[in-house]
Amino acid sequence: MQRTAVVTGGAHGLGQASALRLATDNRVIAIWDRDTDGAVETVDRIEVAGGTAIACTVDVSCEQTMRDALQETHDRLGAVDILVNAAGIIGADATVLETPIQEWHDVLAVNLTGTYVACRLVVSEMASRGWGRIVNFTSHARRGTPSLIPYSVSKAGLVPLTRALALEFTSSGVLVNAVQPGRAMTDMVLSRVPPEVVRDPSVAIGRYAEPEEVAEVVAFLCASHKRCMPLLVGWSFAVARSQRRYASCSSVIATSMLRRKA
């Protein structure tokens, strides 16, 4: 069955990988991103592979741009069935005393408030139809990273947000989850991590995850499962591909996955 998926931050990194992967599952995709050129590039890649997608210029820190994009998505693709909140910014490396208050506001506006508003815009309609999937992206920084305090707080806040939404809407057929990737080979990570650390990271599997591996976890959480585990909290996922077992360094932080018919 064809479903409509919105991916915020779908122009790059984990958002782009998630959009490309979802498009292979008979999903039509709306890319919401403030980088219009990058969003169009993702759309082009989906269409070259035979899929359907549109690009919407969206700043997730501005509710009106999301409302406009939602209307465009409705008009061109139909009602939203799946929402993947991948838009995010890190901010500058700085101590608490060095971090300007505006930086605090800016990071939380994108990472936390933007995710909340996006969920709020689509979840009631999902519930009215009896089916929906929402996936948020948190981070290991949620435990507290001294040089990235606004980012850490914004990602920590996504955990109770996801749990609360899951508990509120599970009975309506809307499954809400969060994925916590470890470091993945994205431009955001590679621009901040020294090359020698990338070549020899101190992680159990000896390398960082590929975006496509994290996208497999997202696709699983967006699928129409007839049977699902009743509750997953902090589980780690490994993705098997081509006879090789990959540890995607991803954890499901909160999920409302109950046994339901799609």
C-alpha atoms as a PDB file:
ATOM      1  CA  MET A   1       0.000   0.000   0.000  1.00  0.00           C
ATOM      2  CA  GLN A   2       1.330   3.415  -0.938  1.00  0.00           C
ATOM      3  CA  ARG A   3       1.956   5.812   1.949  1.00  0.00           C
ATOM      4  CA  THR A   4       3.003   9.458   2.061  1.00  0.00           C
ATOM      5  CA  ALA A   5       6.111  10.244   4.100  1.00  0.00           C
ATOM      6  CA  VAL A   6       7.480  13.607   5.190  1.00  0.00           C
ATOM      7  CA  VAL A   7      11.185  13.755   5.992  1.00  0.00           C
ATOM      8  CA  THR A   8      12.438  16.949   7.610  1.00  0.00           C
ATOM      9  CA  GLY A   9      16.123  17.570   7.024  1.00  0.00           C
ATOM     10  CA  GLY A  10      15.936  15.287   3.995  1.00  0.00           C
ATOM     11  CA  ALA A  11      18.477  17.211   1.950  1.00  0.00           C
ATOM     12  CA  HIS A  12      21.511  15.679   3.638  1.00  0.00           C
ATOM     13  CA  GLY A  13      22.845  13.018   5.967  1.00  0.00           C
ATOM     14  CA  LEU A  14      20.549  10.698   7.864  1.00  0.00           C
ATOM     15  CA  GLY A  15      17.460  12.506   6.597  1.00  0.00           C
ATOM     16  CA  GLN A  16      18.450  12.008   2.981  1.00  0.00           C
ATOM     17  CA  ALA A  17      19.364   8.364   3.574  1.00  0.00           C
ATOM     18  CA  SER A  18      16.012   7.792   5.291  1.00  0.00           C
ATOM     19  CA  ALA A  19      14.103   9.420   2.437  1.00  0.00           C
ATOM     20  CA  LEU A  20      15.910   7.357  -0.190  1.00  0.00           C
ATOM     21  CA  ARG A  21      15.262   4.160   1.761  1.00  0.00           C
ATOM     22  CA  LEU A  22      11.582   4.872   2.401  1.00  0.00           C
ATOM     23  CA  ALA A  23      11.062   5.584  -1.287  1.00  0.00           C
ATOM     24  CA  THR A  24      11.988   1.972  -2.044  1.00  0.00           C
ATOM     25  CA  ASP A  25       9.054   0.780   0.103  1.00  0.00           C
ATOM     26  CA  ASN A  26       6.352   2.282  -2.114  1.00  0.00           C
ATOM     27  CA  ARG A  27       6.366   5.545  -0.182  1.00  0.00           C
ATOM     28  CA  VAL A  28       5.878   8.915  -1.847  1.00  0.00           C
ATOM     29  CA  ILE A  29       8.184  11.400  -0.184  1.00  0.00           C
ATOM     30  CA  ALA A  30       8.011  15.077   0.736  1.00  0.00           C
ATOM     31  CA  ILE A  31      11.418  16.533   1.586  1.00  0.00           C
ATOM     32  CA  TRP A  32      11.099  19.446   4.006  1.00  0.00           C
ATOM     33  CA  ASP A  33      14.384  21.326   4.264  1.00  0.00           C
ATOM     34  CA  ARG A  34      15.645  24.893   4.296  1.00  0.00           C
ATOM     35  CA  ASP A  35      18.327  23.854   1.777  1.00  0.00           C
ATOM     36  CA  THR A  36      16.168  23.937  -1.339  1.00  0.00           C
ATOM     37  CA  ASP A  37      18.939  22.797  -3.680  1.00  0.00           C
ATOM     38  CA  GLY A  38      19.778  19.849  -1.445  1.00  0.00           C
ATOM     39  CA  ALA A  39      16.108  18.891  -1.171  1.00  0.00           C
ATOM     40  CA  VAL A  40      15.756  18.990  -4.960  1.00  0.00           C
ATOM     41  CA  GLU A  41      18.837  16.783  -5.276  1.00  0.00           C
ATOM     42  CA  THR A  42      17.233  14.190  -2.985  1.00  0.00           C
ATOM     43  CA  VAL A  43      14.024  14.365  -5.034  1.00  0.00           C
ATOM     44  CA  ASP A  44      16.010  13.866  -8.238  1.00  0.00           C
ATOM     45  CA  ARG A  45      17.688  10.764  -6.812  1.00  0.00           C
ATOM     46  CA  ILE A  46      14.334   9.316  -5.774  1.00  0.00           C
ATOM     47  CA  GLU A  47      12.797  10.004  -9.166  1.00  0.00           C
ATOM     48  CA  VAL A  48      15.760   8.537 -11.057  1.00  0.00           C
ATOM     49  CA  ALA A  49      15.181   5.332  -9.067  1.00  0.00           C
ATOM     50  CA  GLY A  50      11.527   5.333 -10.131  1.00  0.00           C
ATOM     51  CA  GLY A  51       9.966   6.924  -7.048  1.00  0.00           C
ATOM     52  CA  THR A  52       7.829   9.995  -6.459  1.00  0.00           C
ATOM     53  CA  ALA A  53       8.924  12.943  -4.342  1.00  0.00           C
ATOM     54  CA  ILE A  54       8.565  16.684  -3.901  1.00  0.00           C
ATOM     55  CA  ALA A  55      10.783  19.321  -2.304  1.00  0.00           C
ATOM     56  CA  CYS A  56       9.380  21.937   0.074  1.00  0.00           C
ATOM     57  CA  THR A  57      11.471  24.797   1.403  1.00  0.00           C
ATOM     58  CA  VAL A  58      10.975  24.655   5.165  1.00  0.00           C
ATOM     59  CA  ASP A  59      12.628  26.186   8.190  1.00  0.00           C
ATOM     60  CA  VAL A  60      11.468  23.937  11.017  1.00  0.00           C
ATOM     61  CA  SER A  61      12.044  26.742  13.507  1.00  0.00           C
ATOM     62  CA  CYS A  62       9.207  28.622  11.742  1.00  0.00           C
ATOM     63  CA  GLU A  63       5.784  27.041  12.210  1.00  0.00           C
ATOM     64  CA  GLN A  64       4.236  28.885   9.272  1.00  0.00           C
ATOM     65  CA  THR A  65       6.689  27.393   6.771  1.00  0.00           C
ATOM     66  CA  MET A  66       5.748  23.934   8.047  1.00  0.00           C
ATOM     67  CA  ARG A  67       2.049  24.712   7.739  1.00  0.00           C
ATOM     68  CA  ASP A  68       2.609  25.874   4.166  1.00  0.00           C
ATOM     69  CA  ALA A  69       4.614  22.742   3.370  1.00  0.00           C
ATOM     70  CA  LEU A  70       1.952  20.530   4.913  1.00  0.00           C
ATOM     71  CA  GLN A  71      -0.683  22.095   2.673  1.00  0.00           C
ATOM     72  CA  GLU A  72       1.525  21.619  -0.384  1.00  0.00           C
ATOM     73  CA  THR A  73       2.174  18.017   0.612  1.00  0.00           C
ATOM     74  CA  HIS A  74      -1.562  17.381   1.011  1.00  0.00           C
ATOM     75  CA  ASP A  75      -2.305  18.954  -2.366  1.00  0.00           C
ATOM     76  CA  ARG A  76       0.383  17.085  -4.300  1.00  0.00           C
ATOM     77  CA  LEU A  77       0.839  13.769  -2.480  1.00  0.00           C
ATOM     78  CA  GLY A  78      -2.077  13.315  -0.094  1.00  0.00           C
ATOM     79  CA  ALA A  79      -2.404  13.067   3.663  1.00  0.00           C
ATOM     80  CA  VAL A  80       0.764  12.414   5.669  1.00  0.00           C
ATOM     81  CA  ASP A  81       1.114   8.848   6.952  1.00  0.00           C
ATOM     82  CA  ILE A  82       4.764   8.920   8.047  1.00  0.00           C
ATOM     83  CA  LEU A  83       6.852  11.666   9.616  1.00  0.00           C
ATOM     84  CA  VAL A  84      10.621  11.382  10.044  1.00  0.00           C
ATOM     85  CA  ASN A  85      12.069  14.303  12.016  1.00  0.00           C
ATOM     86  CA  ALA A  86      15.693  14.376  10.900  1.00  0.00           C
ATOM     87  CA  ALA A  87      16.232  18.147  10.755  1.00  0.00           C
ATOM     88  CA  GLY A  88      18.800  19.251  13.278  1.00  0.00           C
ATOM     89  CA  ILE A  89      21.716  21.558  14.002  1.00  0.00           C
ATOM     90  CA  ILE A  90      24.595  21.122  16.439  1.00  0.00           C
ATOM     91  CA  GLY A  91      25.692  24.665  17.171  1.00  0.00           C
ATOM     92  CA  ALA A  92      29.143  25.827  18.161  1.00  0.00           C
ATOM     93  CA  ASP A  93      31.550  24.030  20.476  1.00  0.00           C
ATOM     94  CA  ALA A  94      31.504  26.263  23.540  1.00  0.00           C
ATOM     95  CA  THR A  95      31.294  26.154  27.307  1.00  0.00           C
ATOM     96  CA  VAL A  96      28.138  27.259  29.070  1.00  0.00           C
ATOM     97  CA  LEU A  97      29.651  30.691  29.760  1.00  0.00           C
ATOM     98  CA  GLU A  98      30.771  31.074  26.145  1.00  0.00           C
ATOM     99  CA  THR A  99      27.452  30.024  24.616  1.00  0.00           C
ATOM    100  CA  PRO A 100      25.329  33.033  23.610  1.00  0.00           C
ATOM    101  CA  ILE A 101      21.730  32.833  24.746  1.00  0.00           C
ATOM    102  CA  GLN A 102      20.639  33.217  21.123  1.00  0.00           C
ATOM    103  CA  GLU A 103      22.535  30.039  20.252  1.00  0.00           C
ATOM    104  CA  TRP A 104      20.557  28.242  22.958  1.00  0.00           C
ATOM    105  CA  HIS A 105      17.286  29.489  21.475  1.00  0.00           C
ATOM    106  CA  ASP A 106      18.311  28.690  17.897  1.00  0.00           C
ATOM    107  CA  VAL A 107      19.357  25.100  18.581  1.00  0.00           C
ATOM    108  CA  LEU A 108      16.300  24.264  20.669  1.00  0.00           C
ATOM    109  CA  ALA A 109      14.021  25.933  18.111  1.00  0.00           C
ATOM    110  CA  VAL A 110      15.196  23.536  15.393  1.00  0.00           C
ATOM    111  CA  ASN A 111      15.919  20.327  17.263  1.00  0.00           C
ATOM    112  CA  LEU A 112      13.217  20.264  19.932  1.00  0.00           C
ATOM    113  CA  THR A 113      10.485  22.792  19.193  1.00  0.00           C
ATOM    114  CA  GLY A 114      10.621  22.091  15.463  1.00  0.00           C
ATOM    115  CA  THR A 115      10.148  18.375  16.087  1.00  0.00           C
ATOM    116  CA  TYR A 116       7.290  19.059  18.500  1.00  0.00           C
ATOM    117  CA  VAL A 117       5.492  21.337  16.035  1.00  0.00           C
ATOM    118  CA  ALA A 118       5.926  18.887  13.144  1.00  0.00           C
ATOM    119  CA  CYS A 119       4.467  16.077  15.253  1.00  0.00           C
ATOM    120  CA  ARG A 120       1.606  18.286  16.391  1.00  0.00           C
ATOM    121  CA  LEU A 121       0.726  19.224  12.811  1.00  0.00           C
ATOM    122  CA  VAL A 122       0.309  15.646  11.572  1.00  0.00           C
ATOM    123  CA  VAL A 123      -0.479  13.353  14.492  1.00  0.00           C
ATOM    124  CA  SER A 124      -4.182  14.114  14.918  1.00  0.00           C
ATOM    125  CA  GLU A 125      -4.908  13.387  11.272  1.00  0.00           C
ATOM    126  CA  MET A 126      -2.918  10.159  11.489  1.00  0.00           C
ATOM    127  CA  ALA A 127      -4.954   9.164  14.532  1.00  0.00           C
ATOM    128  CA  SER A 128      -8.236   9.954  12.785  1.00  0.00           C
ATOM    129  CA  ARG A 129      -7.294   7.499  10.004  1.00  0.00           C
ATOM    130  CA  GLY A 130      -6.100   4.860  12.471  1.00  0.00           C
ATOM    131  CA  TRP A 131      -2.559   4.586  11.092  1.00  0.00           C
ATOM    132  CA  GLY A 132       0.626   6.600  11.389  1.00  0.00           C
ATOM    133  CA  ARG A 133       4.358   6.405  12.024  1.00  0.00           C
ATOM    134  CA  ILE A 134       6.579   9.062  13.572  1.00  0.00           C
ATOM    135  CA  VAL A 135      10.338   8.685  13.992  1.00  0.00           C
ATOM    136  CA  ASN A 136      12.443  11.253  15.836  1.00  0.00           C
ATOM    137  CA  PHE A 137      16.233  11.416  16.012  1.00  0.00           C
ATOM    138  CA  THR A 138      17.893  11.814  19.368  1.00  0.00           C
ATOM    139  CA  SER A 139      21.624  11.489  20.119  1.00  0.00           C
ATOM    140  CA  HIS A 140      24.093  10.007  22.584  1.00  0.00           C
ATOM    141  CA  ALA A 141      24.786  13.662  23.473  1.00  0.00           C
ATOM    142  CA  ARG A 142      21.468  13.613  25.361  1.00  0.00           C
ATOM    143  CA  ARG A 143      23.454  12.358  28.356  1.00  0.00           C
ATOM    144  CA  GLY A 144      25.237  15.707  28.452  1.00  0.00           C
ATOM    145  CA  THR A 145      28.187  16.969  26.409  1.00  0.00           C
ATOM    146  CA  PRO A 146      29.890  19.950  28.103  1.00  0.00           C
ATOM    147  CA  SER A 147      30.883  21.711  24.875  1.00  0.00           C
ATOM    148  CA  LEU A 148      27.472  21.181  23.254  1.00  0.00           C
ATOM    149  CA  ILE A 149      24.996  22.092  25.978  1.00  0.00           C
ATOM    150  CA  PRO A 150      22.113  23.418  23.822  1.00  0.00           C
ATOM    151  CA  TYR A 151      22.427  20.413  21.499  1.00  0.00           C
ATOM    152  CA  SER A 152      22.556  17.981  24.425  1.00  0.00           C
ATOM    153  CA  VAL A 153      19.467  19.485  26.042  1.00  0.00           C
ATOM    154  CA  SER A 154      17.544  19.559  22.768  1.00  0.00           C
ATOM    155  CA  LYS A 155      18.244  15.893  22.073  1.00  0.00           C
ATOM    156  CA  ALA A 156      17.510  14.869  25.661  1.00  0.00           C
ATOM    157  CA  GLY A 157      14.144  16.589  25.421  1.00  0.00           C
ATOM    158  CA  LEU A 158      13.154  14.427  22.466  1.00  0.00           C
ATOM    159  CA  VAL A 159      13.100  11.316  24.655  1.00  0.00           C
ATOM    160  CA  PRO A 160      10.187  12.300  26.940  1.00  0.00           C
ATOM    161  CA  LEU A 161       8.477  13.958  23.964  1.00  0.00           C
ATOM    162  CA  THR A 162       8.594  10.675  22.073  1.00  0.00           C
ATOM    163  CA  ARG A 163       7.470   8.652  25.084  1.00  0.00           C
ATOM    164  CA  ALA A 164       4.543  10.977  25.785  1.00  0.00           C
ATOM    165  CA  LEU A 165       3.357  10.948  22.174  1.00  0.00           C
ATOM    166  CA  ALA A 166       3.699   7.175  22.062  1.00  0.00           C
ATOM    167  CA  LEU A 167       1.569   6.723  25.153  1.00  0.00           C
ATOM    168  CA  GLU A 168      -1.047   9.217  23.998  1.00  0.00           C
ATOM    169  CA  PHE A 169      -1.555   7.923  20.462  1.00  0.00           C
ATOM    170  CA  THR A 170      -0.764   4.195  20.477  1.00  0.00           C
ATOM    171  CA  SER A 171      -4.418   3.236  20.846  1.00  0.00           C
ATOM    172  CA  SER A 172      -5.155   5.282  17.717  1.00  0.00           C
ATOM    173  CA  GLY A 173      -2.730   3.283  15.587  1.00  0.00           C
ATOM    174  CA  VAL A 174       0.045   5.890  15.546  1.00  0.00           C
ATOM    175  CA  LEU A 175       3.440   4.429  16.488  1.00  0.00           C
ATOM    176  CA  VAL A 176       5.985   6.957  17.738  1.00  0.00           C
ATOM    177  CA  ASN A 177       9.673   6.105  18.063  1.00  0.00           C
ATOM    178  CA  ALA A 178      13.058   7.721  18.439  1.00  0.00           C
ATOM    179  CA  VAL A 179      16.340   6.498  16.993  1.00  0.00           C
ATOM    180  CA  GLN A 180      19.628   7.284  18.675  1.00  0.00           C
ATOM    181  CA  PRO A 181      22.427   6.843  16.163  1.00  0.00           C
ATOM    182  CA  GLY A 182      26.002   6.667  17.184  1.00  0.00           C
ATOM    183  CA  ARG A 183      28.344   8.643  14.975  1.00  0.00           C
ATOM    184  CA  ALA A 184      27.521   8.031  11.332  1.00  0.00           C
ATOM    185  CA  MET A 185      29.458   8.957   8.217  1.00  0.00           C
ATOM    186  CA  THR A 186      27.607  12.180   7.478  1.00  0.00           C
ATOM    187  CA  ASP A 187      28.934  15.619   6.569  1.00  0.00           C
ATOM    188  CA  MET A 188      27.849  16.903   9.995  1.00  0.00           C
ATOM    189  CA  VAL A 189      30.032  14.331  11.750  1.00  0.00           C
ATOM    190  CA  LEU A 190      32.953  14.316   9.316  1.00  0.00           C
ATOM    191  CA  SER A 191      33.279  18.100   9.505  1.00  0.00           C
ATOM    192  CA  ARG A 192      33.779  17.936  13.276  1.00  0.00           C
ATOM    193  CA  VAL A 193      35.729  14.725  13.861  1.00  0.00           C
ATOM    194  CA  PRO A 194      39.473  14.575  13.091  1.00  0.00           C
ATOM    195  CA  PRO A 195      40.293  12.280  10.132  1.00  0.00           C
ATOM    196  CA  GLU A 196      42.519  10.044  12.264  1.00  0.00           C
ATOM    197  CA  VAL A 197      39.594   9.400  14.641  1.00  0.00           C
ATOM    198  CA  VAL A 198      37.315   8.585  11.712  1.00  0.00           C
ATOM    199  CA  ARG A 199      39.877   6.071  10.428  1.00  0.00           C
ATOM    200  CA  ASP A 200      40.309   4.424  13.825  1.00  0.00           C
ATOM    201  CA  PRO A 201      37.306   5.183  16.063  1.00  0.00           C
ATOM    202  CA  SER A 202      37.168   3.745  19.565  1.00  0.00           C
ATOM    203  CA  VAL A 203      33.865   1.932  19.048  1.00  0.00           C
ATOM    204  CA  ALA A 204      33.134  -1.756  19.372  1.00  0.00           C
ATOM    205  CA  ILE A 205      32.595  -2.468  15.681  1.00  0.00           C
ATOM    206  CA  GLY A 206      35.707  -0.541  14.664  1.00  0.00           C
ATOM    207  CA  ARG A 207      34.000   1.994  12.422  1.00  0.00           C
ATOM    208  CA  TYR A 208      31.218   4.539  12.292  1.00  0.00           C
ATOM    209  CA  ALA A 209      27.836   3.615  10.873  1.00  0.00           C
ATOM    210  CA  GLU A 210      26.890   4.345   7.301  1.00  0.00           C
ATOM    211  CA  PRO A 211      23.780   6.531   6.892  1.00  0.00           C
ATOM    212  CA  GLU A 212      22.122   3.729   4.944  1.00  0.00           C
ATOM    213  CA  GLU A 213      22.395   1.432   7.958  1.00  0.00           C
ATOM    214  CA  VAL A 214      20.618   3.917  10.193  1.00  0.00           C
ATOM    215  CA  ALA A 215      18.007   4.355   7.460  1.00  0.00           C
ATOM    216  CA  GLU A 216      17.243   0.632   7.672  1.00  0.00           C
ATOM    217  CA  VAL A 217      16.218   1.128  11.307  1.00  0.00           C
ATOM    218  CA  VAL A 218      13.993   4.036  10.290  1.00  0.00           C
ATOM    219  CA  ALA A 219      12.381   1.961   7.544  1.00  0.00           C
ATOM    220  CA  PHE A 220      11.676  -0.847  10.012  1.00  0.00           C
ATOM    221  CA  LEU A 221       9.961   1.554  12.394  1.00  0.00           C
ATOM    222  CA  CYS A 222       7.868   2.983   9.552  1.00  0.00           C
ATOM    223  CA  ALA A 223       6.725  -0.378   8.233  1.00  0.00           C
ATOM    224  CA  SER A 224       3.236  -1.847   8.394  1.00  0.00           C
ATOM    225  CA  HIS A 225       4.003  -4.562  10.928  1.00  0.00           C
ATOM    226  CA  LYS A 226       1.243  -7.000  11.675  1.00  0.00           C
ATOM    227  CA  ARG A 227       3.128  -8.079  14.784  1.00  0.00           C
ATOM    228  CA  CYS A 228       5.380  -5.829  16.788  1.00  0.00           C
ATOM    229  CA  MET A 229       7.088  -6.051  20.136  1.00  0.00           C
ATOM    230  CA  PRO A 230       4.966  -4.393  22.825  1.00  0.00           C
ATOM    231  CA  LEU A 231       7.621  -2.000  24.084  1.00  0.00           C
ATOM    232  CA  LEU A 232      11.229  -1.315  23.221  1.00  0.00           C
ATOM    233  CA  VAL A 233      13.338   1.014  25.302  1.00  0.00           C
ATOM    234  CA  GLY A 234      17.042   1.504  24.624  1.00  0.00           C
ATOM    235  CA  TRP A 235      17.421  -1.522  22.390  1.00  0.00           C
ATOM    236  CA  SER A 236      20.388  -1.687  20.005  1.00  0.00           C
ATOM    237  CA  PHE A 237      19.782  -2.795  16.451  1.00  0.00           C
ATOM    238  CA  ALA A 238      22.047  -4.630  14.057  1.00  0.00           C
ATOM    239  CA  VAL A 239      21.227  -4.565  10.371  1.00  0.00           C
ATOM    240  CA  ALA A 240      22.084  -7.607   8.239  1.00  0.00           C
ATOM    241  CA  ARG A 241      22.879  -6.852   4.606  1.00  0.00           C
ATOM    242  CA  SER A 242      24.478  -9.004   1.902  1.00  0.00           C
ATOM    243  CA  GLN A 243      25.597 -11.777   4.268  1.00  0.00           C
ATOM    244  CA  ARG A 244      27.462  -9.262   6.427  1.00  0.00           C
ATOM    245  CA  ARG A 245      26.210  -8.256   9.823  1.00  0.00           C
ATOM    246  CA  TYR A 246      26.401  -4.546  10.446  1.00  0.00           C
ATOM    247  CA  ALA A 247      25.949  -2.953  13.824  1.00  0.00           C
ATOM    248  CA  SER A 248      24.189   0.258  12.944  1.00  0.00           C
ATOM    249  CA  CYS A 249      25.031   1.856  16.283  1.00  0.00           C
ATOM    250  CA  SER A 250      21.392   2.817  16.565  1.00  0.00           C
ATOM    251  CA  SER A 251      19.093   2.462  19.524  1.00  0.00           C
ATOM    252  CA  VAL A 252      15.384   2.763  19.709  1.00  0.00           C
ATOM    253  CA  ILE A 253      14.805   5.055  22.661  1.00  0.00           C
ATOM    254  CA  ALA A 254      11.057   4.923  22.911  1.00  0.00           C
ATOM    255  CA  THR A 255       8.410   3.171  20.938  1.00  0.00           C
ATOM    256  CA  SER A 256       4.749   2.464  21.132  1.00  0.00           C
ATOM    257  CA  MET A 257       4.901  -0.537  18.843  1.00  0.00           C
ATOM    258  CA  LEU A 258       1.861  -2.633  19.648  1.00  0.00           C
ATOM    259  CA  ARG A 259       0.359  -5.438  17.677  1.00  0.00           C
ATOM    260  CA  ARG A 260      -1.954  -3.845  15.142  1.00  0.00           C
ATOM    261  CA  LYS A 261      -3.160  -4.388  11.615  1.00  0.00           C
ATOM    262  CA  ALA A 262      -1.850  -1.934   9.033  1.00  0.00           C
END
